[in-house]
Amino acid sequence: MERLQVLELEWWYQSSSSIKPELDKEVLQALRPNKGIRKLHIQSYGGIKSPDWMEVPTLLTSFSSLRRVSLKDCPNWQVPPCSFLRQLEYLEIDGMPEWEEWSCPVSWDSLHELTIKHCPKLKKLPLLPRALRRLHLEEVGISCLHSELDGCSRVDGGIETTSSPHSSPPTSAALSRLYISSCDKLTSIIGLLQQHLPDLVEINIVICQNLVESLPEKGFGHLVSLKRLKLVCCPELTCLLPMQKEEEDASAQHLPCSLEVLEISYSGDAMGGWWWTGLQRLTSIAKLDLRRCPTTVELLFDRLKRNPHPHLSATLRELLIEGYSRFDHGQQSATSSACSSQLSPPPTLPLIPHNNVDASAGVLRAFTSLKQLIIEDSPNFLQKWGGWGLPSSLERLTVDRDDDLSLEELSACLHDLISLKSLSFWNFENLHSLPNLGGLPALETLDISFSPSINTLEVMSLPTSLKKLILQHLVNLHSLPDLSACLCSMKLWLVKYRGMPAGIMLKEHVHVS
């Protein structure tokens, strides 16, 4: 098959006991592709070793056109080919549980994307080329990422050092996207992030339980093209420097001005002052996602109250807050407590009773470009930071699990939302009814779900703009609002009507799914 360019080989077994490694190797040896092959995919190969045409130097010259290789779910393969991969642009190795060592003596000058998944025994990566653009590691047994990029210059403490007139320019790497997930043995990635990476636009670090001291001393400011930074489920991330010391260092660029999306979720709470100091310099931040880091949220909004951000109010489009509670600091982790003790000063604000708002309540309203706001499992957040109302630019609002939010406070938050298109209330345990929504002239979708205390919607007025109504698991509801005004102005209604008493009669022309 001289013109064959893509070859996919996949084994199928009824059970793992039916795998015959020697037979599989013999079959793969016989299926040697032609010299023009460009893409090779091998899946569920049961052999232990590679065939000769992947290893013997005299045979390797036949594969000068090969650019993409994918090796997936090969349970016994202990030594994947090395020399065979020299000319590749894309390499994926996924599901080799017995693979322990990878020594690659050749230079991968052309490799642009490398993905390694589900190789828990692999402890170290080979030296990677500067041309590498995308690195994805998931469930790999490595403990540290140091200088895996061949010949790349390093930066000092996260800040690029100034070269003398006679020195050569720093040698940079082409890495643009870094994804690290479920690497339980990984403790540090400082070495990799301190290299000269001017093209890096995205960092995703997810579910690395033992990742500590992994952030550059001066943050991420030297990553001048970074747009998305995501730190999720890394509970051991700790403070880097005390807040006071970091704020005194005015020259430090803790976050690059290019950053557009910042997500800190289920990670070390209040990880020092690097993120706040860097946040002050951001000019393009559009999305902020803070989950299960209540001290960080309190610190952020307290700072915004006392020192408004120069750009955040005009650039922020999406804000998500989850797991914030001013009254429940006992749930913070030991890591969070250790971090909080280093902050200067720690957030110790007095409790504010209902219907008694102060200047804090205007912080959310100051986000004049905000389009989407999601508040999940955060009692008291809206009362404290949104008591003066929410920004009129808001188009989508979701409030999930806030048992302390009263009907009056909810009405105040919804006042003057002339652009709101979607409104969702989920898991309100103590709320018996909802305020009138007739003053929301742009509202198209209303979702009221999983709120067992709501017993009537009859007194609630709805805007004529409404197109979609979702009602789910309102087990005590005995009356609905008047839908006639809405039905006159729309052609389609979709009502989800699950987990509710059967005695409620919906008006005709309403479609029930």
Protein backbone atom coordinates (compact mmCIF):
# COMPACT_ATOMS: atom_id res chain seq x y z
CA MET A 1 0.00 0.00 0.00
CA GLU A 2 2.48 2.58 -1.23
CA ARG A 3 0.09 5.54 -1.01
CA LEU A 4 -1.17 4.78 2.48
CA GLN A 5 -0.73 7.82 4.75
CA VAL A 6 -2.83 6.96 7.83
CA LEU A 7 -2.76 3.59 9.62
CA GLU A 8 -4.83 2.70 12.68
CA LEU A 9 -4.27 -0.65 14.40
CA GLU A 10 -6.54 -1.67 17.24
CA TRP A 11 -6.63 -4.96 19.17
CA TRP A 12 -9.77 -6.22 20.85
CA TYR A 13 -9.89 -8.71 23.72
CA GLN A 14 -12.71 -10.31 25.63
CA SER A 15 -10.66 -10.03 28.84
CA SER A 16 -7.14 -9.16 29.94
CA SER A 17 -6.34 -12.87 30.34
CA SER A 18 -6.84 -13.37 26.61
CA ILE A 19 -3.88 -11.08 25.74
CA LYS A 20 -0.93 -12.95 24.22
CA PRO A 21 2.07 -10.57 24.26
CA GLU A 22 4.31 -12.64 21.98
CA LEU A 23 1.56 -13.10 19.41
CA ASP A 24 0.74 -9.40 19.49
CA LYS A 25 4.37 -8.51 18.85
CA GLU A 26 4.51 -10.93 15.93
CA VAL A 27 1.36 -9.39 14.43
CA LEU A 28 2.63 -5.82 14.84
CA GLN A 29 5.99 -6.84 13.38
CA ALA A 30 4.21 -8.10 10.27
CA LEU A 31 2.10 -4.96 9.90
CA ARG A 32 5.03 -2.70 9.11
CA PRO A 33 3.66 0.33 7.20
CA ASN A 34 5.04 1.76 3.99
CA LYS A 35 7.63 4.53 3.87
CA GLY A 36 5.09 7.26 3.07
CA ILE A 37 3.09 6.83 6.27
CA ARG A 38 2.32 10.16 7.98
CA LYS A 39 0.03 9.19 10.86
CA LEU A 40 0.10 6.01 12.99
CA HIS A 41 -2.37 5.06 15.74
CA ILE A 42 -1.89 1.90 17.82
CA GLN A 43 -4.46 0.95 20.45
CA SER A 44 -4.69 -1.94 22.93
CA TYR A 45 -1.47 -3.56 21.73
CA GLY A 46 -0.68 -6.34 24.22
CA GLY A 47 3.02 -6.78 23.52
CA ILE A 48 5.80 -5.94 25.95
CA LYS A 49 8.35 -4.70 23.41
CA SER A 50 8.33 -2.69 20.22
CA PRO A 51 8.63 -4.35 16.80
CA ASP A 52 11.94 -4.19 14.95
CA TRP A 53 10.74 -1.59 12.46
CA MET A 54 10.36 0.85 15.36
CA GLU A 55 13.83 0.23 16.79
CA VAL A 56 16.38 -0.96 14.20
CA PRO A 57 18.26 2.08 12.82
CA THR A 58 18.50 0.68 9.27
CA LEU A 59 14.71 0.44 9.10
CA LEU A 60 13.94 3.81 10.64
CA THR A 61 15.03 5.75 7.56
CA SER A 62 11.90 4.50 5.84
CA PHE A 63 9.68 6.66 8.06
CA SER A 64 10.99 10.12 7.31
CA SER A 65 7.41 11.28 6.52
CA LEU A 66 5.91 10.18 9.84
CA ARG A 67 4.55 13.20 11.76
CA ARG A 68 1.83 11.99 14.17
CA VAL A 69 1.90 8.94 16.48
CA SER A 70 -0.70 7.88 19.03
CA LEU A 71 -0.10 4.90 21.35
CA LYS A 72 -3.13 4.20 23.54
CA ASP A 73 -4.20 1.60 26.12
CA CYS A 74 -1.23 -0.74 25.74
CA PRO A 75 -1.15 -2.43 29.17
CA ASN A 76 2.14 -4.36 28.85
CA TRP A 77 4.29 -2.07 26.71
CA GLN A 78 7.25 -1.23 28.95
CA VAL A 79 9.66 0.47 26.54
CA PRO A 80 7.89 2.54 23.88
CA PRO A 81 10.00 3.28 20.81
CA CYS A 82 12.46 6.14 20.94
CA SER A 83 14.38 6.59 17.71
CA PHE A 84 11.19 5.90 15.77
CA LEU A 85 9.73 9.13 17.11
CA ARG A 86 12.49 11.48 15.97
CA GLN A 87 10.67 13.35 13.18
CA LEU A 88 7.34 13.67 14.93
CA GLU A 89 5.28 16.81 15.30
CA TYR A 90 2.62 15.21 17.51
CA LEU A 91 2.97 12.38 20.04
CA GLU A 92 0.31 10.95 22.35
CA ILE A 93 0.99 8.14 24.81
CA ASP A 94 -2.08 7.19 26.83
CA GLY A 95 -2.63 4.20 29.11
CA MET A 96 0.71 2.45 29.64
CA PRO A 97 0.59 1.47 33.33
CA GLU A 98 3.84 -0.54 33.25
CA TRP A 99 6.00 2.14 31.60
CA GLU A 100 8.66 3.29 34.08
CA GLU A 101 11.62 4.85 32.26
CA TRP A 102 11.96 6.90 29.13
CA SER A 103 15.43 7.64 27.86
CA CYS A 104 15.53 9.38 24.51
CA PRO A 105 19.05 10.02 23.18
CA VAL A 106 17.90 11.71 19.99
CA SER A 107 16.85 15.32 19.45
CA TRP A 108 13.16 15.97 18.78
CA ASP A 109 13.63 19.14 16.81
CA SER A 110 10.16 18.98 15.22
CA LEU A 111 7.93 17.94 18.16
CA HIS A 112 5.14 20.50 18.69
CA GLU A 113 2.63 18.62 20.89
CA LEU A 114 3.26 16.02 23.58
CA THR A 115 0.46 14.31 25.53
CA ILE A 116 1.15 11.68 28.19
CA LYS A 117 -1.78 10.23 30.14
CA HIS A 118 -2.36 7.38 32.58
CA CYS A 119 1.28 6.37 32.95
CA PRO A 120 1.54 6.33 36.77
CA LYS A 121 4.98 4.66 36.92
CA LEU A 122 6.72 7.12 34.59
CA LYS A 123 8.93 9.17 36.90
CA LYS A 124 10.86 11.43 34.54
CA LEU A 125 10.53 13.02 31.13
CA PRO A 126 13.33 13.24 28.58
CA LEU A 127 14.78 16.57 27.49
CA LEU A 128 12.12 18.24 25.37
CA PRO A 129 12.74 20.50 22.39
CA ARG A 130 12.34 24.29 22.47
CA ALA A 131 9.91 23.94 19.55
CA LEU A 132 7.35 22.22 21.80
CA ARG A 133 4.11 24.21 21.85
CA ARG A 134 1.73 22.09 23.91
CA LEU A 135 2.48 19.85 26.89
CA HIS A 136 -0.32 17.80 28.50
CA LEU A 137 0.41 15.53 31.47
CA GLU A 138 -2.36 13.57 33.17
CA GLU A 139 -1.94 10.87 35.82
CA VAL A 140 1.81 10.65 35.35
CA GLY A 141 4.19 9.64 38.15
CA ILE A 142 6.65 12.53 37.81
CA SER A 143 7.54 14.44 40.99
CA CYS A 144 9.17 17.60 39.60
CA LEU A 145 9.30 19.58 36.40
CA HIS A 146 12.69 21.24 36.18
CA SER A 147 14.56 22.03 32.97
CA GLU A 148 12.82 19.70 30.57
CA LEU A 149 13.04 22.25 27.71
CA ASP A 150 16.34 21.87 25.87
CA GLY A 151 18.63 24.88 26.15
CA CYS A 152 15.95 27.36 27.28
CA SER A 153 17.10 30.38 29.30
CA ARG A 154 15.83 30.87 32.81
CA VAL A 155 14.54 33.95 34.57
CA ASP A 156 15.59 35.08 38.01
CA GLY A 157 12.84 34.72 40.60
CA GLY A 158 10.15 35.00 37.97
CA ILE A 159 11.56 38.30 36.62
CA GLU A 160 13.65 38.36 33.48
CA THR A 161 17.18 39.55 34.09
CA THR A 162 18.48 42.44 31.99
CA SER A 163 21.15 41.36 29.57
CA SER A 164 24.35 43.36 29.16
CA PRO A 165 25.09 44.99 25.76
CA HIS A 166 27.51 42.17 24.95
CA SER A 167 25.33 39.28 26.08
CA SER A 168 23.28 37.19 23.73
CA PRO A 169 19.45 37.48 23.89
CA PRO A 170 17.68 34.93 26.08
CA THR A 171 16.88 31.62 24.44
CA SER A 172 13.14 31.17 24.54
CA ALA A 173 10.86 28.18 24.15
CA ALA A 174 7.74 28.02 21.98
CA LEU A 175 5.55 26.47 24.70
CA SER A 176 2.09 28.06 24.49
CA ARG A 177 -0.16 25.71 26.51
CA LEU A 178 0.59 23.73 29.66
CA TYR A 179 -1.94 21.26 31.09
CA ILE A 180 -1.16 19.21 34.20
CA SER A 181 -3.85 17.04 35.78
CA SER A 182 -4.09 14.29 38.42
CA CYS A 183 -0.34 14.02 38.99
CA ASP A 184 -0.46 13.05 42.67
CA LYS A 185 3.32 12.76 43.07
CA LEU A 186 4.08 16.14 41.54
CA THR A 187 5.45 18.56 44.15
CA SER A 188 7.02 21.37 42.11
CA ILE A 189 6.93 22.96 38.66
CA ILE A 190 9.05 25.99 39.52
CA GLY A 191 11.86 24.92 37.20
CA LEU A 192 9.61 24.79 34.16
CA LEU A 193 7.76 28.04 34.84
CA GLN A 194 10.97 29.96 35.46
CA GLN A 195 12.21 29.34 31.95
CA HIS A 196 11.91 31.96 29.22
CA LEU A 197 8.39 31.30 27.89
CA PRO A 198 7.23 34.42 26.00
CA ASP A 199 4.53 32.53 24.04
CA LEU A 200 2.81 30.76 26.96
CA VAL A 201 -0.89 31.73 26.86
CA GLU A 202 -2.54 29.09 29.07
CA ILE A 203 -1.70 27.23 32.30
CA ASN A 204 -4.10 24.62 33.69
CA ILE A 205 -3.03 22.81 36.87
CA VAL A 206 -5.79 20.52 38.14
CA ILE A 207 -6.02 17.92 40.95
CA CYS A 208 -2.39 17.84 42.03
CA GLN A 209 -2.82 16.97 45.70
CA ASN A 210 0.82 17.37 46.75
CA LEU A 211 1.82 20.38 44.69
CA VAL A 212 3.63 22.76 47.08
CA GLU A 213 6.01 25.67 46.56
CA SER A 214 5.20 25.37 42.88
CA LEU A 215 4.70 29.02 42.00
CA PRO A 216 7.57 31.28 40.97
CA GLU A 217 8.78 33.55 43.78
CA LYS A 218 7.59 36.66 41.97
CA GLY A 219 4.47 35.11 40.48
CA PHE A 220 3.73 34.87 36.77
CA GLY A 221 4.59 38.37 35.60
CA HIS A 222 7.42 37.23 33.30
CA LEU A 223 4.91 35.19 31.24
CA VAL A 224 4.09 38.21 29.11
CA SER A 225 1.53 36.44 26.86
CA LEU A 226 -0.37 34.52 29.56
CA LYS A 227 -4.15 34.85 29.09
CA ARG A 228 -5.63 31.99 31.15
CA LEU A 229 -4.42 30.78 34.55
CA LYS A 230 -6.31 27.94 36.24
CA LEU A 231 -5.38 26.39 39.60
CA VAL A 232 -7.93 23.76 40.65
CA CYS A 233 -7.90 21.20 43.48
CA CYS A 234 -4.34 21.83 44.63
CA PRO A 235 -4.95 22.05 48.40
CA GLU A 236 -1.28 22.17 49.42
CA LEU A 237 -0.47 25.38 47.56
CA THR A 238 0.88 27.69 50.23
CA CYS A 239 1.78 31.32 50.73
CA LEU A 240 4.91 32.45 48.97
CA LEU A 241 5.67 35.72 50.71
CA PRO A 242 3.88 37.66 53.44
CA MET A 243 1.45 40.21 52.02
CA GLN A 244 3.26 43.20 53.46
CA LYS A 245 6.58 42.27 51.87
CA GLU A 246 5.03 41.65 48.49
CA GLU A 247 3.20 44.96 48.45
CA GLU A 248 6.41 46.79 49.24
CA ASP A 249 8.00 45.34 46.12
CA ALA A 250 6.45 47.75 43.63
CA SER A 251 8.57 46.48 40.74
CA ALA A 252 7.28 42.92 40.99
CA GLN A 253 4.93 41.85 38.19
CA HIS A 254 3.03 39.08 39.93
CA LEU A 255 0.54 38.65 37.08
CA PRO A 256 1.00 39.72 33.45
CA CYS A 257 -1.17 42.51 32.09
CA SER A 258 -2.29 40.13 29.34
CA LEU A 259 -4.26 37.86 31.73
CA GLU A 260 -7.93 37.50 30.78
CA VAL A 261 -9.14 34.50 32.84
CA LEU A 262 -8.13 33.68 36.43
CA GLU A 263 -9.54 30.65 38.25
CA ILE A 264 -8.56 29.58 41.75
CA SER A 265 -10.72 26.66 42.88
CA TYR A 266 -10.42 24.27 45.81
CA SER A 267 -6.78 25.26 46.24
CA GLY A 268 -4.72 26.76 49.04
CA ASP A 269 -6.84 29.62 50.37
CA ALA A 270 -5.30 33.12 50.21
CA MET A 271 -2.00 32.09 48.65
CA GLY A 272 -0.07 35.13 49.76
CA GLY A 273 -0.25 38.57 48.17
CA TRP A 274 1.09 37.71 44.73
CA TRP A 275 -2.33 37.38 43.11
CA TRP A 276 -3.74 40.59 44.62
CA THR A 277 -0.68 42.67 43.77
CA GLY A 278 -0.77 41.28 40.25
CA LEU A 279 -4.51 41.82 39.96
CA GLN A 280 -3.99 45.54 40.41
CA ARG A 281 -1.99 45.64 37.16
CA LEU A 282 -4.40 43.67 34.99
CA THR A 283 -5.92 45.62 32.13
CA SER A 284 -7.79 42.83 30.29
CA ILE A 285 -9.22 40.56 33.00
CA ALA A 286 -12.64 39.34 31.78
CA LYS A 287 -13.39 36.27 33.93
CA LEU A 288 -12.74 35.66 37.62
CA ASP A 289 -13.60 32.27 39.13
CA LEU A 290 -13.07 31.76 42.87
CA ARG A 291 -14.32 28.49 44.38
CA ARG A 292 -13.91 27.22 47.94
CA CYS A 293 -11.39 29.87 48.95
CA PRO A 294 -13.42 32.10 51.30
CA THR A 295 -10.44 33.95 52.78
CA THR A 296 -9.26 34.86 49.30
CA VAL A 297 -12.73 36.16 48.38
CA GLU A 298 -13.04 38.16 51.60
CA LEU A 299 -9.60 39.66 51.09
CA LEU A 300 -10.31 40.54 47.47
CA PHE A 301 -13.63 42.29 48.08
CA ASP A 302 -12.39 44.02 51.21
CA ARG A 303 -9.51 45.44 49.16
CA LEU A 304 -11.87 46.47 46.36
CA LYS A 305 -14.01 48.31 48.90
CA ARG A 306 -11.04 50.29 50.22
CA ASN A 307 -9.04 50.58 46.99
CA PRO A 308 -11.08 50.29 43.76
CA HIS A 309 -9.38 48.43 40.95
CA PRO A 310 -8.28 50.72 38.07
CA HIS A 311 -9.55 48.37 35.33
CA LEU A 312 -11.56 45.51 36.83
CA SER A 313 -14.89 47.35 36.88
CA ALA A 314 -14.66 48.07 33.15
CA THR A 315 -13.23 44.74 31.91
CA LEU A 316 -14.80 42.01 34.08
CA ARG A 317 -17.53 40.11 32.19
CA GLU A 318 -17.96 36.92 34.25
CA LEU A 319 -17.71 36.41 38.02
CA LEU A 320 -18.23 33.11 39.86
CA ILE A 321 -18.10 32.81 43.64
CA GLU A 322 -18.55 29.44 45.37
CA GLY A 323 -18.20 28.41 48.99
CA TYR A 324 -18.01 31.86 50.59
CA SER A 325 -19.37 32.26 54.13
CA ARG A 326 -18.40 35.04 56.48
CA PHE A 327 -19.79 33.13 59.43
CA ASP A 328 -18.13 29.77 58.91
CA HIS A 329 -14.37 29.99 59.10
CA GLY A 330 -14.04 26.60 60.76
CA GLN A 331 -14.21 24.80 57.44
CA GLN A 332 -11.02 26.37 56.18
CA SER A 333 -8.15 23.97 55.83
CA ALA A 334 -4.96 24.00 57.84
CA THR A 335 -3.22 25.35 54.78
CA SER A 336 -5.73 28.20 54.61
CA SER A 337 -5.20 29.01 58.28
CA ALA A 338 -1.45 29.04 57.85
CA CYS A 339 -1.76 31.37 54.89
CA SER A 340 -4.20 33.67 56.64
CA SER A 341 -1.86 34.08 59.58
CA GLN A 342 0.76 35.57 57.26
CA LEU A 343 -1.54 38.14 55.70
CA SER A 344 -1.28 41.73 56.87
CA PRO A 345 -3.83 42.30 58.25
CA PRO A 346 -6.09 39.21 58.27
CA PRO A 347 -9.71 39.87 57.30
CA THR A 348 -11.60 40.26 60.59
CA LEU A 349 -14.64 42.32 59.72
CA PRO A 350 -17.61 42.75 62.07
CA LEU A 351 -20.82 40.94 61.28
CA ILE A 352 -23.39 43.06 59.49
CA PRO A 353 -27.01 42.36 60.42
CA HIS A 354 -29.69 42.11 57.74
CA ASN A 355 -31.06 45.36 56.34
CA ASN A 356 -28.02 47.28 57.52
CA VAL A 357 -25.65 47.70 54.60
CA ASP A 358 -22.51 49.82 54.40
CA ALA A 359 -20.09 50.78 51.66
CA SER A 360 -19.30 47.09 51.12
CA ALA A 361 -22.66 46.69 49.42
CA GLY A 362 -21.58 48.81 46.48
CA VAL A 363 -18.64 46.66 45.39
CA LEU A 364 -20.61 44.39 43.05
CA ARG A 365 -22.53 47.29 41.57
CA ALA A 366 -19.22 48.91 40.60
CA PHE A 367 -18.59 46.15 38.01
CA THR A 368 -20.27 48.14 35.26
CA SER A 369 -19.40 45.68 32.47
CA LEU A 370 -20.38 42.47 34.27
CA LYS A 371 -22.52 40.17 32.11
CA GLN A 372 -22.69 36.93 34.13
CA LEU A 373 -22.75 36.46 37.90
CA ILE A 374 -22.90 33.01 39.54
CA ILE A 375 -23.11 32.73 43.34
CA GLU A 376 -23.04 29.15 44.64
CA ASP A 377 -23.21 27.93 48.23
CA SER A 378 -22.26 31.37 49.54
CA PRO A 379 -24.65 32.55 52.25
CA ASN A 380 -24.33 36.25 53.05
CA PHE A 381 -22.33 37.11 49.94
CA LEU A 382 -25.10 38.99 48.19
CA GLN A 383 -26.24 40.63 51.42
CA LYS A 384 -22.80 42.05 52.09
CA TRP A 385 -21.44 42.88 48.65
CA GLY A 386 -24.65 43.38 46.63
CA GLY A 387 -26.98 45.12 49.05
CA TRP A 388 -27.06 48.27 46.92
CA GLY A 389 -28.13 46.26 43.89
CA LEU A 390 -26.29 44.58 41.06
CA PRO A 391 -24.85 46.26 37.95
CA SER A 392 -27.43 47.12 35.30
CA SER A 393 -25.18 45.51 32.65
CA LEU A 394 -25.91 42.02 34.08
CA GLU A 395 -27.46 39.56 31.60
CA ARG A 396 -27.28 36.22 33.47
CA LEU A 397 -27.67 35.71 37.22
CA THR A 398 -27.57 32.39 39.09
CA VAL A 399 -27.97 32.10 42.87
CA ASP A 400 -27.59 28.60 44.30
CA ARG A 401 -27.99 27.74 48.02
CA ASP A 402 -28.37 30.90 50.05
CA ASP A 403 -30.74 30.17 52.94
CA ASP A 404 -30.12 33.52 54.61
CA LEU A 405 -31.25 35.66 51.68
CA SER A 406 -34.57 37.29 52.55
CA LEU A 407 -37.29 38.32 50.12
CA GLU A 408 -36.51 42.00 50.74
CA GLU A 409 -32.79 41.54 50.11
CA LEU A 410 -33.49 39.57 46.97
CA SER A 411 -35.76 42.35 45.71
CA ALA A 412 -33.02 44.91 46.34
CA CYS A 413 -30.47 42.85 44.40
CA LEU A 414 -32.79 42.55 41.40
CA HIS A 415 -33.64 46.24 41.24
CA ASP A 416 -32.84 48.04 37.96
CA LEU A 417 -31.52 44.97 36.08
CA ILE A 418 -32.77 46.23 32.72
CA SER A 419 -30.47 43.92 30.71
CA LEU A 420 -31.08 40.67 32.61
CA LYS A 421 -32.01 37.81 30.24
CA SER A 422 -31.58 34.72 32.40
CA LEU A 423 -32.38 34.30 36.11
CA SER A 424 -31.92 31.08 38.10
CA PHE A 425 -32.77 30.35 41.75
CA TRP A 426 -31.69 26.90 42.98
CA ASN A 427 -31.79 25.19 46.37
CA PHE A 428 -33.43 27.89 48.48
CA GLU A 429 -34.44 25.98 51.61
CA ASN A 430 -36.16 28.81 53.50
CA LEU A 431 -37.56 31.09 50.81
CA HIS A 432 -41.38 30.83 50.58
CA SER A 433 -42.00 33.10 47.59
CA LEU A 434 -40.20 35.23 45.02
CA PRO A 435 -40.36 38.97 44.40
CA ASN A 436 -42.15 40.50 41.44
CA LEU A 437 -40.10 40.17 38.29
CA GLY A 438 -42.26 42.36 36.07
CA GLY A 439 -39.63 45.09 36.28
CA LEU A 440 -37.08 43.00 34.35
CA PRO A 441 -37.95 44.05 30.79
CA ALA A 442 -35.39 41.81 29.05
CA LEU A 443 -35.93 38.57 31.02
CA GLU A 444 -36.30 35.54 28.74
CA THR A 445 -35.48 32.53 30.95
CA LEU A 446 -36.58 31.90 34.54
CA ASP A 447 -35.42 28.78 36.38
CA ILE A 448 -36.81 28.00 39.86
CA SER A 449 -35.65 24.60 41.09
CA PHE A 450 -35.10 22.46 44.19
CA SER A 451 -36.61 24.94 46.64
CA PRO A 452 -39.06 22.97 48.80
CA SER A 453 -40.26 25.93 50.91
CA ILE A 454 -41.65 27.89 47.97
CA ASN A 455 -45.42 27.39 48.22
CA THR A 456 -46.81 30.09 45.97
CA LEU A 457 -45.85 32.06 42.88
CA GLU A 458 -49.30 33.52 42.43
CA VAL A 459 -48.38 36.99 43.68
CA MET A 460 -45.31 37.18 41.44
CA SER A 461 -45.68 39.17 38.23
CA LEU A 462 -43.68 38.18 35.15
CA PRO A 463 -42.41 40.33 32.26
CA THR A 464 -43.95 39.89 28.83
CA SER A 465 -40.47 39.16 27.45
CA LEU A 466 -40.35 35.74 29.16
CA LYS A 467 -39.87 32.81 26.77
CA LYS A 468 -38.80 29.91 28.96
CA LEU A 469 -39.96 28.85 32.41
CA ILE A 470 -38.30 25.99 34.28
CA LEU A 471 -39.93 24.64 37.44
CA GLN A 472 -38.34 21.58 39.04
CA HIS A 473 -38.94 19.82 42.37
CA LEU A 474 -41.03 22.50 44.05
CA VAL A 475 -42.82 19.94 46.17
CA ASN A 476 -44.99 22.38 48.16
CA LEU A 477 -46.01 24.71 45.38
CA HIS A 478 -49.80 25.21 45.24
CA SER A 479 -50.21 28.16 42.87
CA LEU A 480 -48.56 29.60 39.78
CA PRO A 481 -48.28 33.19 38.57
CA ASP A 482 -50.62 34.56 35.93
CA LEU A 483 -49.09 33.54 32.59
CA SER A 484 -51.66 35.17 30.33
CA ALA A 485 -49.67 38.34 29.64
CA CYS A 486 -46.62 36.30 28.66
CA LEU A 487 -48.63 33.91 26.47
CA CYS A 488 -49.97 36.81 24.42
CA SER A 489 -46.46 37.90 23.43
CA MET A 490 -44.69 34.63 22.76
CA LYS A 491 -45.00 31.69 20.43
CA LEU A 492 -43.25 29.00 22.48
CA TRP A 493 -43.32 28.11 26.15
CA LEU A 494 -41.24 25.34 27.62
CA VAL A 495 -42.16 24.40 31.16
CA LYS A 496 -40.24 21.70 32.99
CA TYR A 497 -42.71 20.48 35.58
CA ARG A 498 -41.04 17.77 37.62
CA GLY A 499 -41.35 16.81 41.26
CA MET A 500 -44.36 19.03 41.89
CA PRO A 501 -47.90 18.43 43.18
CA ALA A 502 -50.27 17.07 40.56
CA GLY A 503 -53.13 19.34 41.61
CA ILE A 504 -51.75 22.47 39.91
CA MET A 505 -53.44 23.18 36.58
CA LEU A 506 -51.45 25.01 33.93
CA LYS A 507 -53.22 27.28 31.48
CA GLU A 508 -53.87 25.96 27.99
CA HIS A 509 -51.34 26.60 25.25
CA VAL A 510 -48.53 25.91 27.71
CA HIS A 511 -46.32 23.03 26.62
CA VAL A 512 -45.31 20.72 29.46
CA SER A 513 -42.21 18.53 29.08
